Amino acid sequence: MPVKWPRRRRRVDVGTYVAPDPVAPPSIDDQIEDGVLVAFSAARLAVTNSLILRSLRDGHAYDDRRVRLLVTAELLSLALEKERDAERVRAMRTDTLQRTGRAAGPADYRARDAVVLERRATVSEGLAARLAVLATDPQTIGELAERAHRSFLDEFEVSVARGASAFDEPDLDRPMGVKDRATELKGLAADLEELARRRRA
């Protein structure tokens, strides 16, 4: 019986690969502005968490002046962090200037990476300086404080709605009173505080 060989598939012409035109890296100013947006989000989140803890755990009323101070402190803290990052990267760059050859991994910088590291340090320095200036701008501080306050109200509304739904489950013997609800909300504040602590660690 003759052997039936599998039929060869027809070759499909997919064309010739053409590499895309190289894309210029974003400018240092653009990278700094992107970093500002990230810093704003981080500051807003930190202040929102602080508002939740102070309100639910400590029972403090909203204080616009204090919130503005918190925003300023967060921006200055981020500016200091970027200053230290720039110092660390510059020290790393100095160490790599004498190291040649192939890198053993993505964190193993060599002399060929000196330009990239210098750019990173420059961006971090520029971002630190920008944040330090914005931390003294009343309009910027006011806008971030307002965003944090709105986020706090949104989170509080969701938490209360969920809590009310849980408190009114049909299998409970009786609806929780005001004191019971306050206790549960303080428990929620403790959970948020623990979450914030873990994020800082």
N, C-alpha and C. Protein backbone atom coordinates (compact mmCIF):
# COMPACT_ATOMS: atom_id res chain seq x y z
N MET A 1 0.85 -1.20 0.00
CA MET A 1 0.00 0.00 0.00
C MET A 1 0.89 1.25 0.00
N PRO A 2 0.72 2.14 -0.93
CA PRO A 2 1.60 3.31 -1.01
C PRO A 2 1.42 4.23 0.19
N VAL A 3 2.53 4.84 0.58
CA VAL A 3 2.51 5.77 1.72
C VAL A 3 2.00 7.12 1.25
N LYS A 4 1.05 7.67 2.01
CA LYS A 4 0.53 8.99 1.68
C LYS A 4 1.27 10.05 2.49
N TRP A 5 2.04 10.81 1.81
CA TRP A 5 2.78 11.88 2.47
C TRP A 5 1.86 13.09 2.67
N PRO A 6 2.02 13.76 3.81
CA PRO A 6 1.18 14.95 4.03
C PRO A 6 1.46 16.02 2.99
N ARG A 7 0.42 16.68 2.60
CA ARG A 7 0.57 17.72 1.59
C ARG A 7 1.27 18.93 2.19
N ARG A 8 2.16 19.48 1.47
CA ARG A 8 2.87 20.66 1.94
C ARG A 8 1.96 21.87 1.85
N ARG A 9 1.97 22.63 2.91
CA ARG A 9 1.16 23.84 2.90
C ARG A 9 1.81 24.91 2.05
N ARG A 10 0.97 25.66 1.41
CA ARG A 10 1.49 26.74 0.58
C ARG A 10 2.06 27.84 1.45
N ARG A 11 3.18 28.34 1.07
CA ARG A 11 3.81 29.42 1.81
C ARG A 11 3.04 30.71 1.59
N VAL A 12 2.82 31.39 2.68
CA VAL A 12 2.08 32.64 2.61
C VAL A 12 3.07 33.80 2.63
N ASP A 13 2.90 34.66 1.70
CA ASP A 13 3.78 35.82 1.63
C ASP A 13 3.28 36.88 2.62
N VAL A 14 4.01 37.06 3.70
CA VAL A 14 3.63 38.04 4.72
C VAL A 14 4.37 39.36 4.55
N GLY A 15 5.09 39.46 3.49
CA GLY A 15 5.81 40.69 3.25
C GLY A 15 7.16 40.71 3.94
N THR A 16 7.83 41.81 3.83
CA THR A 16 9.16 41.98 4.42
C THR A 16 9.06 42.90 5.63
N TYR A 17 9.66 42.47 6.72
CA TYR A 17 9.61 43.27 7.93
C TYR A 17 10.40 44.56 7.75
N VAL A 18 9.75 45.62 8.11
CA VAL A 18 10.40 46.93 8.06
C VAL A 18 10.34 47.53 9.46
N ALA A 19 11.48 47.77 10.03
CA ALA A 19 11.52 48.31 11.38
C ALA A 19 10.90 49.70 11.42
N PRO A 20 10.15 50.00 12.47
CA PRO A 20 9.54 51.34 12.56
C PRO A 20 10.60 52.41 12.78
N ASP A 21 10.25 53.60 12.41
CA ASP A 21 11.17 54.70 12.62
C ASP A 21 11.43 54.89 14.11
N PRO A 22 12.65 55.18 14.48
CA PRO A 22 12.94 55.37 15.90
C PRO A 22 12.15 56.54 16.48
N VAL A 23 11.68 56.35 17.69
CA VAL A 23 10.90 57.38 18.37
C VAL A 23 11.80 58.10 19.37
N ALA A 24 11.83 59.40 19.26
CA ALA A 24 12.67 60.17 20.18
C ALA A 24 12.12 60.06 21.60
N PRO A 25 12.98 59.94 22.60
CA PRO A 25 12.50 59.87 23.99
C PRO A 25 11.82 61.17 24.38
N PRO A 26 10.90 61.11 25.33
CA PRO A 26 10.25 62.34 25.77
C PRO A 26 11.26 63.31 26.35
N SER A 27 10.96 64.58 26.23
CA SER A 27 11.88 65.58 26.75
C SER A 27 11.91 65.52 28.28
N ILE A 28 12.94 66.07 28.85
CA ILE A 28 13.06 66.08 30.31
C ILE A 28 11.91 66.87 30.93
N ASP A 29 11.54 67.97 30.29
CA ASP A 29 10.41 68.76 30.80
C ASP A 29 9.12 67.95 30.81
N ASP A 30 8.90 67.16 29.74
CA ASP A 30 7.69 66.33 29.69
C ASP A 30 7.71 65.26 30.78
N GLN A 31 8.87 64.68 31.03
CA GLN A 31 8.99 63.67 32.08
C GLN A 31 8.74 64.28 33.46
N ILE A 32 9.21 65.49 33.63
CA ILE A 32 8.99 66.17 34.92
C ILE A 32 7.50 66.42 35.12
N GLU A 33 6.82 66.89 34.08
CA GLU A 33 5.39 67.15 34.20
C GLU A 33 4.60 65.86 34.45
N ASP A 34 5.02 64.77 33.82
CA ASP A 34 4.38 63.48 34.09
C ASP A 34 4.59 63.10 35.56
N GLY A 35 5.79 63.36 36.05
CA GLY A 35 6.07 63.07 37.45
C GLY A 35 5.24 63.91 38.40
N VAL A 36 4.96 65.14 38.01
CA VAL A 36 4.11 66.01 38.83
C VAL A 36 2.71 65.42 38.95
N LEU A 37 2.18 64.92 37.84
CA LEU A 37 0.84 64.32 37.87
C LEU A 37 0.80 63.10 38.80
N VAL A 38 1.85 62.28 38.73
CA VAL A 38 1.93 61.11 39.61
C VAL A 38 2.02 61.55 41.07
N ALA A 39 2.82 62.58 41.33
CA ALA A 39 2.98 63.08 42.69
C ALA A 39 1.66 63.64 43.22
N PHE A 40 0.93 64.34 42.37
CA PHE A 40 -0.38 64.87 42.78
C PHE A 40 -1.32 63.73 43.20
N SER A 41 -1.33 62.66 42.41
CA SER A 41 -2.20 61.53 42.74
C SER A 41 -1.78 60.90 44.07
N ALA A 42 -0.48 60.75 44.28
CA ALA A 42 0.02 60.17 45.53
C ALA A 42 -0.33 61.05 46.72
N ALA A 43 -0.17 62.36 46.57
CA ALA A 43 -0.48 63.29 47.66
C ALA A 43 -1.97 63.27 47.97
N ARG A 44 -2.79 63.29 46.94
CA ARG A 44 -4.24 63.26 47.15
C ARG A 44 -4.65 62.00 47.89
N LEU A 45 -4.11 60.86 47.49
CA LEU A 45 -4.47 59.60 48.14
C LEU A 45 -4.04 59.59 49.60
N ALA A 46 -2.84 60.08 49.89
CA ALA A 46 -2.35 60.11 51.26
C ALA A 46 -3.21 61.01 52.14
N VAL A 47 -3.58 62.17 51.61
CA VAL A 47 -4.41 63.10 52.38
C VAL A 47 -5.82 62.54 52.56
N THR A 48 -6.35 61.89 51.53
CA THR A 48 -7.67 61.28 51.65
C THR A 48 -7.68 60.23 52.76
N ASN A 49 -6.66 59.38 52.79
CA ASN A 49 -6.56 58.36 53.84
C ASN A 49 -6.47 59.01 55.22
N SER A 50 -5.74 60.11 55.30
CA SER A 50 -5.62 60.81 56.58
C SER A 50 -6.97 61.37 57.03
N LEU A 51 -7.73 61.89 56.08
CA LEU A 51 -9.06 62.41 56.41
C LEU A 51 -9.99 61.30 56.91
N ILE A 52 -9.91 60.15 56.27
CA ILE A 52 -10.75 59.02 56.68
C ILE A 52 -10.41 58.60 58.11
N LEU A 53 -9.13 58.49 58.39
CA LEU A 53 -8.71 58.06 59.73
C LEU A 53 -9.10 59.08 60.79
N ARG A 54 -8.87 60.36 60.50
CA ARG A 54 -9.17 61.40 61.48
C ARG A 54 -10.67 61.51 61.72
N SER A 55 -11.46 61.29 60.68
CA SER A 55 -12.90 61.43 60.83
C SER A 55 -13.52 60.23 61.54
N LEU A 56 -13.19 59.01 61.07
CA LEU A 56 -13.83 57.82 61.61
C LEU A 56 -13.21 57.36 62.93
N ARG A 57 -11.90 57.43 62.99
CA ARG A 57 -11.25 56.94 64.21
C ARG A 57 -11.27 57.95 65.33
N ASP A 58 -10.94 59.21 64.98
CA ASP A 58 -10.77 60.24 66.01
C ASP A 58 -11.97 61.15 66.15
N GLY A 59 -12.91 61.09 65.18
CA GLY A 59 -14.10 61.92 65.27
C GLY A 59 -13.86 63.39 65.03
N HIS A 60 -12.79 63.76 64.32
CA HIS A 60 -12.48 65.15 64.06
C HIS A 60 -13.30 65.69 62.89
N ALA A 61 -13.71 66.92 62.99
CA ALA A 61 -14.44 67.57 61.90
C ALA A 61 -13.46 68.01 60.81
N TYR A 62 -14.00 68.26 59.63
CA TYR A 62 -13.16 68.70 58.51
C TYR A 62 -12.59 70.08 58.80
N ASP A 63 -11.28 70.21 58.57
CA ASP A 63 -10.58 71.46 58.81
C ASP A 63 -9.78 71.79 57.56
N ASP A 64 -10.26 72.79 56.80
CA ASP A 64 -9.63 73.12 55.53
C ASP A 64 -8.18 73.53 55.72
N ARG A 65 -7.90 74.28 56.74
CA ARG A 65 -6.51 74.73 56.97
C ARG A 65 -5.60 73.53 57.21
N ARG A 66 -6.06 72.60 58.01
CA ARG A 66 -5.23 71.41 58.30
C ARG A 66 -5.02 70.58 57.04
N VAL A 67 -6.06 70.45 56.22
CA VAL A 67 -5.93 69.67 55.00
C VAL A 67 -4.91 70.31 54.07
N ARG A 68 -4.93 71.62 53.97
CA ARG A 68 -3.94 72.31 53.14
C ARG A 68 -2.52 72.07 53.66
N LEU A 69 -2.37 72.07 54.99
CA LEU A 69 -1.05 71.79 55.57
C LEU A 69 -0.61 70.36 55.25
N LEU A 70 -1.56 69.44 55.27
CA LEU A 70 -1.24 68.05 54.94
C LEU A 70 -0.79 67.92 53.49
N VAL A 71 -1.48 68.63 52.60
CA VAL A 71 -1.10 68.59 51.18
C VAL A 71 0.31 69.14 51.00
N THR A 72 0.58 70.27 51.64
CA THR A 72 1.91 70.88 51.54
C THR A 72 2.98 69.92 52.05
N ALA A 73 2.71 69.28 53.19
CA ALA A 73 3.68 68.36 53.77
C ALA A 73 3.94 67.17 52.85
N GLU A 74 2.89 66.67 52.21
CA GLU A 74 3.05 65.54 51.30
C GLU A 74 3.89 65.92 50.08
N LEU A 75 3.63 67.09 49.52
CA LEU A 75 4.40 67.52 48.35
C LEU A 75 5.88 67.73 48.71
N LEU A 76 6.12 68.33 49.87
CA LEU A 76 7.51 68.53 50.30
C LEU A 76 8.20 67.20 50.58
N SER A 77 7.46 66.26 51.12
CA SER A 77 8.03 64.94 51.38
C SER A 77 8.40 64.25 50.07
N LEU A 78 7.53 64.37 49.07
CA LEU A 78 7.83 63.78 47.77
C LEU A 78 9.01 64.48 47.10
N ALA A 79 9.12 65.80 47.29
CA ALA A 79 10.25 66.54 46.74
C ALA A 79 11.56 66.05 47.36
N LEU A 80 11.54 65.87 48.67
CA LEU A 80 12.75 65.37 49.36
C LEU A 80 13.10 63.97 48.87
N GLU A 81 12.09 63.16 48.66
CA GLU A 81 12.32 61.79 48.17
C GLU A 81 13.00 61.81 46.81
N LYS A 82 12.57 62.71 45.93
CA LYS A 82 13.18 62.79 44.60
C LYS A 82 14.59 63.36 44.66
N GLU A 83 14.84 64.27 45.60
CA GLU A 83 16.21 64.78 45.77
C GLU A 83 17.15 63.64 46.16
N ARG A 84 16.71 62.82 47.10
CA ARG A 84 17.53 61.68 47.51
C ARG A 84 17.70 60.68 46.39
N ASP A 85 16.66 60.52 45.60
CA ASP A 85 16.75 59.61 44.46
C ASP A 85 17.78 60.10 43.46
N ALA A 86 17.81 61.40 43.22
CA ALA A 86 18.80 61.97 42.30
C ALA A 86 20.22 61.75 42.81
N GLU A 87 20.42 61.93 44.11
CA GLU A 87 21.74 61.70 44.70
C GLU A 87 22.15 60.24 44.56
N ARG A 88 21.21 59.34 44.80
CA ARG A 88 21.51 57.91 44.71
C ARG A 88 21.87 57.52 43.27
N VAL A 89 21.13 58.05 42.30
CA VAL A 89 21.39 57.70 40.90
C VAL A 89 22.72 58.27 40.44
N ARG A 90 23.07 59.48 40.89
CA ARG A 90 24.36 60.07 40.49
C ARG A 90 25.51 59.25 41.08
N ALA A 91 25.35 58.80 42.33
CA ALA A 91 26.39 57.97 42.92
C ALA A 91 26.51 56.65 42.16
N MET A 92 25.40 56.10 41.73
CA MET A 92 25.39 54.87 40.94
C MET A 92 26.09 55.09 39.61
N ARG A 93 25.83 56.25 39.00
CA ARG A 93 26.46 56.57 37.72
C ARG A 93 27.97 56.65 37.87
N THR A 94 28.45 57.27 38.93
CA THR A 94 29.89 57.38 39.16
C THR A 94 30.52 55.99 39.28
N ASP A 95 29.86 55.09 39.95
CA ASP A 95 30.39 53.73 40.13
C ASP A 95 30.43 52.97 38.82
N THR A 96 29.51 53.25 37.92
CA THR A 96 29.43 52.47 36.68
C THR A 96 30.43 52.94 35.62
N LEU A 97 31.01 54.12 35.78
CA LEU A 97 31.90 54.65 34.74
C LEU A 97 33.10 53.75 34.50
N GLN A 98 33.54 53.03 35.53
CA GLN A 98 34.70 52.17 35.39
C GLN A 98 34.32 50.72 35.07
N ARG A 99 33.02 50.46 34.93
CA ARG A 99 32.57 49.10 34.69
C ARG A 99 32.18 48.93 33.22
N THR A 100 32.90 48.06 32.54
CA THR A 100 32.64 47.81 31.13
C THR A 100 32.12 46.39 30.95
N GLY A 101 31.86 46.02 29.71
CA GLY A 101 31.40 44.68 29.42
C GLY A 101 29.89 44.56 29.48
N ARG A 102 29.43 43.32 29.35
CA ARG A 102 28.00 43.06 29.33
C ARG A 102 27.43 43.05 30.74
N ALA A 103 26.22 43.54 30.86
CA ALA A 103 25.56 43.56 32.16
C ALA A 103 25.02 42.16 32.48
N ALA A 104 25.03 41.83 33.77
CA ALA A 104 24.54 40.52 34.21
C ALA A 104 23.03 40.53 34.41
N GLY A 105 22.42 41.70 34.42
CA GLY A 105 20.99 41.80 34.62
C GLY A 105 20.53 43.23 34.44
N PRO A 106 19.23 43.48 34.54
CA PRO A 106 18.70 44.83 34.32
C PRO A 106 19.19 45.86 35.34
N ALA A 107 19.57 45.42 36.52
CA ALA A 107 20.04 46.35 37.55
C ALA A 107 21.56 46.44 37.59
N ASP A 108 22.23 45.75 36.69
CA ASP A 108 23.69 45.76 36.65
C ASP A 108 24.14 46.80 35.63
N TYR A 109 24.27 48.04 36.08
CA TYR A 109 24.59 49.13 35.18
C TYR A 109 26.08 49.14 34.84
N ARG A 110 26.36 49.49 33.60
CA ARG A 110 27.74 49.58 33.12
C ARG A 110 28.00 50.97 32.56
N ALA A 111 29.22 51.18 32.07
CA ALA A 111 29.61 52.50 31.59
C ALA A 111 28.69 53.00 30.48
N ARG A 112 28.18 52.08 29.67
CA ARG A 112 27.30 52.47 28.56
C ARG A 112 25.98 53.06 29.07
N ASP A 113 25.64 52.80 30.34
CA ASP A 113 24.39 53.29 30.91
C ASP A 113 24.53 54.66 31.58
N ALA A 114 25.73 55.24 31.51
CA ALA A 114 25.97 56.50 32.20
C ALA A 114 25.03 57.61 31.71
N VAL A 115 24.77 57.65 30.42
CA VAL A 115 23.91 58.70 29.87
C VAL A 115 22.49 58.54 30.39
N VAL A 116 22.01 57.31 30.43
CA VAL A 116 20.65 57.05 30.92
C VAL A 116 20.53 57.43 32.39
N LEU A 117 21.54 57.06 33.17
CA LEU A 117 21.50 57.37 34.61
C LEU A 117 21.57 58.87 34.85
N GLU A 118 22.36 59.56 34.04
CA GLU A 118 22.44 61.01 34.18
C GLU A 118 21.09 61.65 33.88
N ARG A 119 20.41 61.14 32.88
CA ARG A 119 19.09 61.66 32.54
C ARG A 119 18.10 61.42 33.69
N ARG A 120 18.14 60.23 34.27
CA ARG A 120 17.26 59.92 35.39
C ARG A 120 17.51 60.88 36.55
N ALA A 121 18.77 61.14 36.84
CA ALA A 121 19.10 62.05 37.94
C ALA A 121 18.61 63.46 37.64
N THR A 122 18.77 63.89 36.40
CA THR A 122 18.31 65.23 36.01
C THR A 122 16.80 65.37 36.15
N VAL A 123 16.08 64.33 35.73
CA VAL A 123 14.62 64.36 35.86
C VAL A 123 14.21 64.41 37.33
N SER A 124 14.87 63.60 38.16
CA SER A 124 14.53 63.58 39.59
C SER A 124 14.81 64.94 40.23
N GLU A 125 15.93 65.55 39.87
CA GLU A 125 16.24 66.88 40.41
C GLU A 125 15.22 67.91 39.97
N GLY A 126 14.87 67.87 38.69
CA GLY A 126 13.88 68.82 38.18
C GLY A 126 12.53 68.63 38.82
N LEU A 127 12.14 67.37 39.04
CA LEU A 127 10.86 67.09 39.68
C LEU A 127 10.86 67.55 41.13
N ALA A 128 11.96 67.33 41.82
CA ALA A 128 12.06 67.78 43.21
C ALA A 128 11.90 69.30 43.30
N ALA A 129 12.58 70.01 42.40
CA ALA A 129 12.49 71.47 42.41
C ALA A 129 11.07 71.94 42.07
N ARG A 130 10.44 71.26 41.11
CA ARG A 130 9.06 71.63 40.71
C ARG A 130 8.08 71.42 41.85
N LEU A 131 8.19 70.29 42.54
CA LEU A 131 7.29 70.00 43.65
C LEU A 131 7.50 70.97 44.81
N ALA A 132 8.76 71.35 45.04
CA ALA A 132 9.03 72.30 46.11
C ALA A 132 8.37 73.64 45.84
N VAL A 133 8.35 74.05 44.57
CA VAL A 133 7.69 75.31 44.20
C VAL A 133 6.18 75.18 44.33
N LEU A 134 5.63 74.07 43.84
CA LEU A 134 4.18 73.87 43.89
C LEU A 134 3.68 73.77 45.32
N ALA A 135 4.53 73.30 46.23
CA ALA A 135 4.13 73.18 47.63
C ALA A 135 3.89 74.54 48.28
N THR A 136 4.35 75.61 47.64
CA THR A 136 4.15 76.97 48.16
C THR A 136 3.11 77.75 47.37
N ASP A 137 2.47 77.07 46.39
CA ASP A 137 1.48 77.74 45.55
C ASP A 137 0.09 77.55 46.14
N PRO A 138 -0.56 78.60 46.63
CA PRO A 138 -1.87 78.45 47.27
C PRO A 138 -2.93 77.83 46.37
N GLN A 139 -2.91 78.18 45.07
CA GLN A 139 -3.92 77.64 44.16
C GLN A 139 -3.76 76.12 44.02
N THR A 140 -2.52 75.66 43.83
CA THR A 140 -2.26 74.23 43.69
C THR A 140 -2.66 73.49 44.97
N ILE A 141 -2.28 74.04 46.11
CA ILE A 141 -2.60 73.40 47.39
C ILE A 141 -4.11 73.35 47.58
N GLY A 142 -4.81 74.44 47.24
CA GLY A 142 -6.25 74.46 47.38
C GLY A 142 -6.95 73.44 46.50
N GLU A 143 -6.48 73.31 45.25
CA GLU A 143 -7.10 72.35 44.33
C GLU A 143 -6.89 70.91 44.81
N LEU A 144 -5.68 70.61 45.28
CA LEU A 144 -5.41 69.25 45.78
C LEU A 144 -6.20 68.97 47.05
N ALA A 145 -6.33 69.97 47.91
CA ALA A 145 -7.10 69.80 49.13
C ALA A 145 -8.57 69.52 48.80
N GLU A 146 -9.10 70.21 47.81
CA GLU A 146 -10.48 70.00 47.40
C GLU A 146 -10.67 68.61 46.80
N ARG A 147 -9.72 68.16 45.99
CA ARG A 147 -9.81 66.82 45.42
C ARG A 147 -9.78 65.76 46.52
N ALA A 148 -8.90 65.95 47.49
CA ALA A 148 -8.81 64.98 48.59
C ALA A 148 -10.10 64.96 49.39
N HIS A 149 -10.68 66.14 49.59
CA HIS A 149 -11.95 66.21 50.34
C HIS A 149 -13.07 65.50 49.58
N ARG A 150 -13.14 65.69 48.26
CA ARG A 150 -14.16 65.02 47.47
C ARG A 150 -13.96 63.50 47.49
N SER A 151 -12.70 63.07 47.41
CA SER A 151 -12.42 61.63 47.47
C SER A 151 -12.84 61.06 48.82
N PHE A 152 -12.58 61.83 49.89
CA PHE A 152 -12.98 61.40 51.23
C PHE A 152 -14.49 61.24 51.31
N LEU A 153 -15.23 62.21 50.79
CA LEU A 153 -16.69 62.14 50.82
C LEU A 153 -17.21 60.95 50.02
N ASP A 154 -16.58 60.69 48.86
CA ASP A 154 -16.99 59.55 48.05
C ASP A 154 -16.74 58.24 48.80
N GLU A 155 -15.55 58.12 49.41
CA GLU A 155 -15.23 56.90 50.15
C GLU A 155 -16.16 56.73 51.34
N PHE A 156 -16.43 57.84 52.02
CA PHE A 156 -17.30 57.78 53.20
C PHE A 156 -18.71 57.35 52.79
N GLU A 157 -19.19 57.90 51.68
CA GLU A 157 -20.54 57.55 51.21
C GLU A 157 -20.64 56.06 50.89
N VAL A 158 -19.62 55.52 50.21
CA VAL A 158 -19.62 54.11 49.86
C VAL A 158 -19.56 53.25 51.12
N SER A 159 -18.71 53.64 52.09
CA SER A 159 -18.56 52.86 53.31
C SER A 159 -19.86 52.84 54.12
N VAL A 160 -20.49 54.00 54.20
CA VAL A 160 -21.75 54.08 54.96
C VAL A 160 -22.83 53.24 54.28
N ALA A 161 -22.88 53.30 52.95
CA ALA A 161 -23.89 52.53 52.22
C ALA A 161 -23.68 51.03 52.42
N ARG A 162 -22.43 50.60 52.36
CA ARG A 162 -22.15 49.18 52.57
C ARG A 162 -22.45 48.79 54.02
N GLY A 163 -22.07 49.67 54.95
CA GLY A 163 -22.32 49.36 56.35
C GLY A 163 -23.81 49.27 56.65
N ALA A 164 -24.58 50.20 56.08
CA ALA A 164 -26.02 50.19 56.32
C ALA A 164 -26.65 48.92 55.76
N SER A 165 -26.15 48.47 54.59
CA SER A 165 -26.68 47.25 53.99
C SER A 165 -26.36 46.04 54.86
N ALA A 166 -25.13 46.01 55.42
CA ALA A 166 -24.74 44.89 56.27
C ALA A 166 -25.50 44.89 57.58
N PHE A 167 -25.73 46.09 58.14
CA PHE A 167 -26.42 46.19 59.42
C PHE A 167 -27.88 45.74 59.32
N ASP A 168 -28.48 45.90 58.15
CA ASP A 168 -29.90 45.62 57.98
C ASP A 168 -30.17 44.26 57.37
N GLU A 169 -29.20 43.33 57.44
CA GLU A 169 -29.43 41.98 56.92
C GLU A 169 -30.61 41.34 57.65
N PRO A 170 -31.46 40.59 56.96
CA PRO A 170 -32.65 40.03 57.60
C PRO A 170 -32.36 39.01 58.68
N ASP A 171 -31.15 38.39 58.69
CA ASP A 171 -30.89 37.38 59.69
C ASP A 171 -30.43 37.97 61.01
N LEU A 172 -30.29 39.28 61.09
CA LEU A 172 -29.93 39.90 62.36
C LEU A 172 -31.16 40.01 63.24
N ASP A 173 -30.96 39.89 64.54
CA ASP A 173 -32.08 39.95 65.48
C ASP A 173 -32.70 41.34 65.52
N ARG A 174 -31.82 42.36 65.40
CA ARG A 174 -32.34 43.72 65.48
C ARG A 174 -31.39 44.63 64.72
N PRO A 175 -31.88 45.75 64.23
CA PRO A 175 -30.99 46.73 63.58
C PRO A 175 -30.01 47.30 64.60
N MET A 176 -28.82 47.60 64.14
CA MET A 176 -27.82 48.17 65.04
C MET A 176 -28.17 49.61 65.38
N GLY A 177 -27.89 49.95 66.61
CA GLY A 177 -28.12 51.31 67.05
C GLY A 177 -26.99 52.22 66.63
N VAL A 178 -27.09 53.48 67.01
CA VAL A 178 -26.08 54.48 66.63
C VAL A 178 -24.72 54.11 67.20
N LYS A 179 -24.68 53.66 68.44
CA LYS A 179 -23.40 53.32 69.05
C LYS A 179 -22.77 52.12 68.35
N ASP A 180 -23.62 51.14 68.00
CA ASP A 180 -23.08 49.98 67.30
C ASP A 180 -22.50 50.36 65.95
N ARG A 181 -23.19 51.23 65.25
CA ARG A 181 -22.69 51.67 63.94
C ARG A 181 -21.39 52.45 64.09
N ALA A 182 -21.31 53.27 65.11
CA ALA A 182 -20.08 54.02 65.35
C ALA A 182 -18.92 53.07 65.62
N THR A 183 -19.20 52.00 66.37
CA THR A 183 -18.16 51.02 66.67
C THR A 183 -17.67 50.35 65.39
N GLU A 184 -18.62 49.99 64.53
CA GLU A 184 -18.25 49.36 63.27
C GLU A 184 -17.44 50.30 62.39
N LEU A 185 -17.82 51.56 62.35
CA LEU A 185 -17.08 52.53 61.53
C LEU A 185 -15.67 52.74 62.08
N LYS A 186 -15.53 52.72 63.39
CA LYS A 186 -14.18 52.85 63.97
C LYS A 186 -13.34 51.62 63.62
N GLY A 187 -14.00 50.46 63.55
CA GLY A 187 -13.28 49.27 63.11
C GLY A 187 -12.80 49.41 61.69
N LEU A 188 -13.64 50.02 60.85
CA LEU A 188 -13.24 50.27 59.46
C LEU A 188 -12.05 51.22 59.43
N ALA A 189 -12.06 52.23 60.27
CA ALA A 189 -10.93 53.17 60.32
C ALA A 189 -9.66 52.46 60.72
N ALA A 190 -9.75 51.52 61.67
CA ALA A 190 -8.57 50.77 62.08
C ALA A 190 -8.03 49.93 60.93
N ASP A 191 -8.94 49.34 60.15
CA ASP A 191 -8.50 48.57 58.99
C ASP A 191 -7.80 49.45 57.97
N LEU A 192 -8.33 50.65 57.74
CA LEU A 192 -7.70 51.57 56.79
C LEU A 192 -6.34 52.02 57.29
N GLU A 193 -6.23 52.24 58.59
CA GLU A 193 -4.94 52.64 59.16
C GLU A 193 -3.91 51.54 58.99
N GLU A 194 -4.32 50.29 59.19
CA GLU A 194 -3.41 49.17 59.00
C GLU A 194 -2.99 49.05 57.54
N LEU A 195 -3.94 49.28 56.62
CA LEU A 195 -3.62 49.24 55.20
C LEU A 195 -2.61 50.34 54.84
N ALA A 196 -2.82 51.53 55.36
CA ALA A 196 -1.90 52.64 55.09
C ALA A 196 -0.51 52.33 55.64
N ARG A 197 -0.46 51.69 56.82
CA ARG A 197 0.84 51.34 57.41
C ARG A 197 1.57 50.34 56.55
N ARG A 198 0.85 49.36 56.00
CA ARG A 198 1.49 48.35 55.15
C ARG A 198 1.98 48.96 53.86
N ARG A 199 1.25 49.92 53.31
CA ARG A 199 1.69 50.57 52.08
C ARG A 199 2.95 51.39 52.30
N ARG A 200 3.07 52.00 53.50
CA ARG A 200 4.29 52.78 53.78
C ARG A 200 5.49 51.89 54.04
N ALA A 201 5.25 50.64 54.47
CA ALA A 201 6.36 49.74 54.82
C ALA A 201 7.14 49.32 53.58
